[in-house]
Amino acid sequence: MGVKNVNPNEQLPYITTTREAVLAWGRKNSLWPMPFGTACCAIEFMGVVSSVFDISRFGAELVRFSPRQSDLLIVAGTITYKMGPILKQIYDQMSDPKWVISMGVCASSGGFYNNYCTMQGIDHIIPVDVYIAGCPPRPEAILDAVLKIQEKIENPHKTPPAQFQVKEPKFDY
């Protein structure tokens, strides 16, 4: 990508780039997150949206509460098996391309809730792009996860492939 002049007598430069680079730049700088907050991690996400940490500096200020209008799902908090089908349906309703952040130890691995009703990580039902550790994670960690998603969007060929494909979950009601 570069700026060049066609004719030295002309003053209008032009830019050379690819269509994929322009689309990646637009997607990178206009993330529309949808928080799926169920516990204390959602309170930390509210702090990230506030003026102190200001997630809008990174192009992700347009928080949507409709899966059809968002492309970044932030799962914040404990997910039970009863919530699993709802989370899967919300993920399926999001348009492609879509990305997922698993925020906090409860969403990532079940946390200290090792019992019959708590799902031990949301990666059992939906693919996760970035995991955030902590209970609850600091706002800086959330901003770092958004930057990692933006890096993944900007350079899709440099990111490693998914470790595994999530098999279709079977919910036994």
Protein backbone atom coordinates (compact mmCIF):
# COMPACT_ATOMS: atom_id res chain seq x y z
CA MET A 1 0.00 0.00 0.00
CA GLY A 2 1.42 3.36 -0.87
CA VAL A 3 0.77 6.84 -2.18
CA LYS A 4 1.96 7.62 -5.69
CA ASN A 5 1.64 10.47 -8.15
CA VAL A 6 0.56 9.60 -11.68
CA ASN A 7 2.13 12.61 -13.27
CA PRO A 8 4.64 14.96 -11.63
CA ASN A 9 2.60 17.90 -12.92
CA GLU A 10 -0.56 16.66 -11.19
CA GLN A 11 -1.12 17.37 -7.53
CA LEU A 12 -3.63 14.56 -6.83
CA PRO A 13 -2.02 11.40 -5.41
CA TYR A 14 -3.69 8.01 -5.45
CA ILE A 15 -3.46 5.09 -3.04
CA THR A 16 -2.77 1.50 -4.03
CA THR A 17 -4.16 -1.29 -1.89
CA THR A 18 -6.27 -4.42 -2.08
CA ARG A 19 -9.96 -4.86 -1.48
CA GLU A 20 -9.28 -7.31 1.36
CA ALA A 21 -7.06 -4.78 3.13
CA VAL A 22 -9.77 -2.11 2.96
CA LEU A 23 -12.42 -4.52 4.27
CA ALA A 24 -10.14 -5.69 7.08
CA TRP A 25 -9.39 -2.08 8.02
CA GLY A 26 -13.12 -1.30 8.16
CA ARG A 27 -13.95 -4.39 10.20
CA LYS A 28 -11.04 -3.82 12.56
CA ASN A 29 -12.06 -0.26 13.40
CA SER A 30 -15.81 -0.81 13.70
CA LEU A 31 -16.44 -3.70 16.07
CA TRP A 32 -19.96 -3.88 17.46
CA PRO A 33 -19.79 -5.87 20.70
CA MET A 34 -22.71 -7.65 22.30
CA PRO A 35 -22.20 -8.39 25.99
CA PHE A 36 -23.66 -11.63 27.33
CA GLY A 37 -23.15 -10.75 30.97
CA THR A 38 -24.34 -13.04 33.72
CA ALA A 39 -22.13 -12.20 36.72
CA CYS A 40 -19.51 -9.84 38.11
CA CYS A 41 -17.55 -9.82 34.85
CA ALA A 42 -20.41 -7.86 33.29
CA ILE A 43 -19.85 -5.11 35.87
CA GLU A 44 -16.19 -4.93 34.79
CA PHE A 45 -17.31 -4.65 31.17
CA MET A 46 -19.49 -1.68 32.17
CA GLY A 47 -16.32 -0.06 33.53
CA VAL A 48 -14.58 -0.58 30.18
CA VAL A 49 -17.37 1.23 28.36
CA SER A 50 -17.16 4.17 30.78
CA SER A 51 -15.06 7.24 30.17
CA VAL A 52 -12.20 6.11 32.40
CA PHE A 53 -11.08 3.23 30.16
CA ASP A 54 -13.07 4.24 27.05
CA ILE A 55 -13.33 1.27 24.72
CA SER A 56 -14.44 3.70 22.00
CA ARG A 57 -10.77 4.61 21.44
CA PHE A 58 -10.47 1.20 19.81
CA GLY A 59 -13.56 1.42 17.62
CA ALA A 60 -15.78 -0.82 19.75
CA GLU A 61 -18.05 1.72 21.45
CA LEU A 62 -21.26 0.80 19.67
CA VAL A 63 -22.56 -1.79 22.14
CA ARG A 64 -25.52 -3.65 20.69
CA PHE A 65 -27.96 -5.91 22.48
CA SER A 66 -29.20 -7.61 19.36
CA PRO A 67 -27.19 -10.48 17.87
CA ARG A 68 -28.17 -9.49 14.35
CA GLN A 69 -26.51 -6.09 14.77
CA SER A 70 -23.27 -7.23 16.42
CA ASP A 71 -20.13 -9.04 15.33
CA LEU A 72 -18.26 -9.45 18.64
CA LEU A 73 -19.80 -11.58 21.39
CA ILE A 74 -18.36 -10.98 24.85
CA VAL A 75 -19.43 -13.77 27.20
CA ALA A 76 -18.89 -12.45 30.71
CA GLY A 77 -19.67 -14.64 33.67
CA THR A 78 -20.87 -18.07 34.67
CA ILE A 79 -22.78 -20.06 32.06
CA THR A 80 -25.03 -22.88 33.21
CA TYR A 81 -26.16 -25.80 31.08
CA LYS A 82 -29.63 -24.26 30.99
CA MET A 83 -28.18 -21.12 29.36
CA GLY A 84 -26.20 -23.16 26.83
CA PRO A 85 -28.91 -23.43 24.15
CA ILE A 86 -29.66 -19.71 24.46
CA LEU A 87 -25.99 -18.78 24.06
CA LYS A 88 -25.70 -21.08 21.04
CA GLN A 89 -28.81 -19.54 19.47
CA ILE A 90 -27.46 -16.02 20.01
CA TYR A 91 -24.15 -17.04 18.44
CA ASP A 92 -25.95 -18.58 15.45
CA GLN A 93 -28.02 -15.41 14.93
CA MET A 94 -24.92 -13.25 14.59
CA SER A 95 -23.89 -12.52 11.02
CA ASP A 96 -20.53 -13.62 9.65
CA PRO A 97 -17.75 -12.76 10.26
CA LYS A 98 -18.13 -12.99 14.03
CA TRP A 99 -15.74 -13.20 16.93
CA VAL A 100 -16.08 -14.36 20.55
CA ILE A 101 -14.29 -13.26 23.72
CA SER A 102 -14.58 -15.49 26.77
CA MET A 103 -14.27 -13.07 29.66
CA GLY A 104 -13.27 -14.29 33.07
CA VAL A 105 -12.42 -17.64 34.55
CA CYS A 106 -16.08 -18.72 34.87
CA ALA A 107 -16.82 -18.36 31.15
CA SER A 108 -13.44 -19.81 30.19
CA SER A 109 -13.32 -22.88 32.44
CA GLY A 110 -16.25 -22.86 34.85
CA GLY A 111 -14.23 -21.15 37.57
CA PHE A 112 -14.57 -22.56 41.04
CA TYR A 113 -18.09 -23.78 40.24
CA ASN A 114 -17.33 -27.44 39.58
CA ASN A 115 -20.86 -28.76 39.97
CA TYR A 116 -23.65 -30.39 37.98
CA CYS A 117 -25.21 -27.21 36.57
CA THR A 118 -22.20 -25.08 35.54
CA MET A 119 -20.73 -25.44 32.08
CA GLN A 120 -16.97 -25.92 32.29
CA GLY A 121 -16.10 -23.41 29.57
CA ILE A 122 -18.17 -21.97 26.74
CA ASP A 123 -15.87 -23.56 24.18
CA HIS A 124 -18.00 -26.68 24.58
CA ILE A 125 -20.76 -25.02 22.53
CA ILE A 126 -19.28 -22.09 20.59
CA PRO A 127 -15.78 -21.37 19.24
CA VAL A 128 -13.78 -18.83 21.24
CA ASP A 129 -11.22 -16.46 19.71
CA VAL A 130 -9.73 -14.85 22.83
CA TYR A 131 -9.77 -15.96 26.47
CA ILE A 132 -9.40 -13.42 29.28
CA ALA A 133 -8.14 -14.72 32.61
CA GLY A 134 -9.09 -13.26 35.97
CA CYS A 135 -11.91 -13.21 38.45
CA PRO A 136 -13.05 -10.64 37.46
CA PRO A 137 -10.55 -9.53 34.82
CA ARG A 138 -9.18 -6.01 34.87
CA PRO A 139 -10.49 -3.54 32.29
CA GLU A 140 -7.02 -3.38 30.75
CA ALA A 141 -7.26 -7.11 30.00
CA ILE A 142 -10.55 -6.53 28.16
CA LEU A 143 -8.97 -3.77 26.09
CA ASP A 144 -6.05 -6.09 25.33
CA ALA A 145 -8.50 -8.77 24.15
CA VAL A 146 -10.16 -6.26 21.82
CA LEU A 147 -6.73 -5.39 20.43
CA LYS A 148 -6.00 -9.10 19.88
CA ILE A 149 -9.32 -9.47 18.00
CA GLN A 150 -8.41 -6.44 15.87
CA GLU A 151 -5.01 -7.97 15.13
CA LYS A 152 -6.72 -11.21 14.14
CA ILE A 153 -9.06 -9.30 11.81
CA GLU A 154 -6.25 -7.30 10.25
CA ASN A 155 -3.96 -10.31 9.65
CA PRO A 156 -6.18 -13.37 9.19
CA HIS A 157 -3.39 -15.42 7.63
CA LYS A 158 -0.94 -14.85 10.49
CA THR A 159 -3.26 -16.13 13.20
CA PRO A 160 -3.01 -19.84 13.99
CA PRO A 161 -5.98 -22.02 13.02
CA ALA A 162 -8.45 -23.10 15.65
CA GLN A 163 -7.19 -25.90 17.87
CA PHE A 164 -10.34 -27.88 17.30
CA GLN A 165 -13.73 -27.59 15.72
CA VAL A 166 -16.61 -27.39 18.14
CA LYS A 167 -18.92 -30.31 17.57
CA GLU A 168 -22.64 -29.64 17.49
CA PRO A 169 -23.82 -29.71 21.11
CA LYS A 170 -26.57 -32.07 22.14
CA PHE A 171 -28.80 -30.57 24.78
CA ASP A 172 -30.73 -33.11 26.82
CA TYR A 173 -33.80 -31.39 28.21
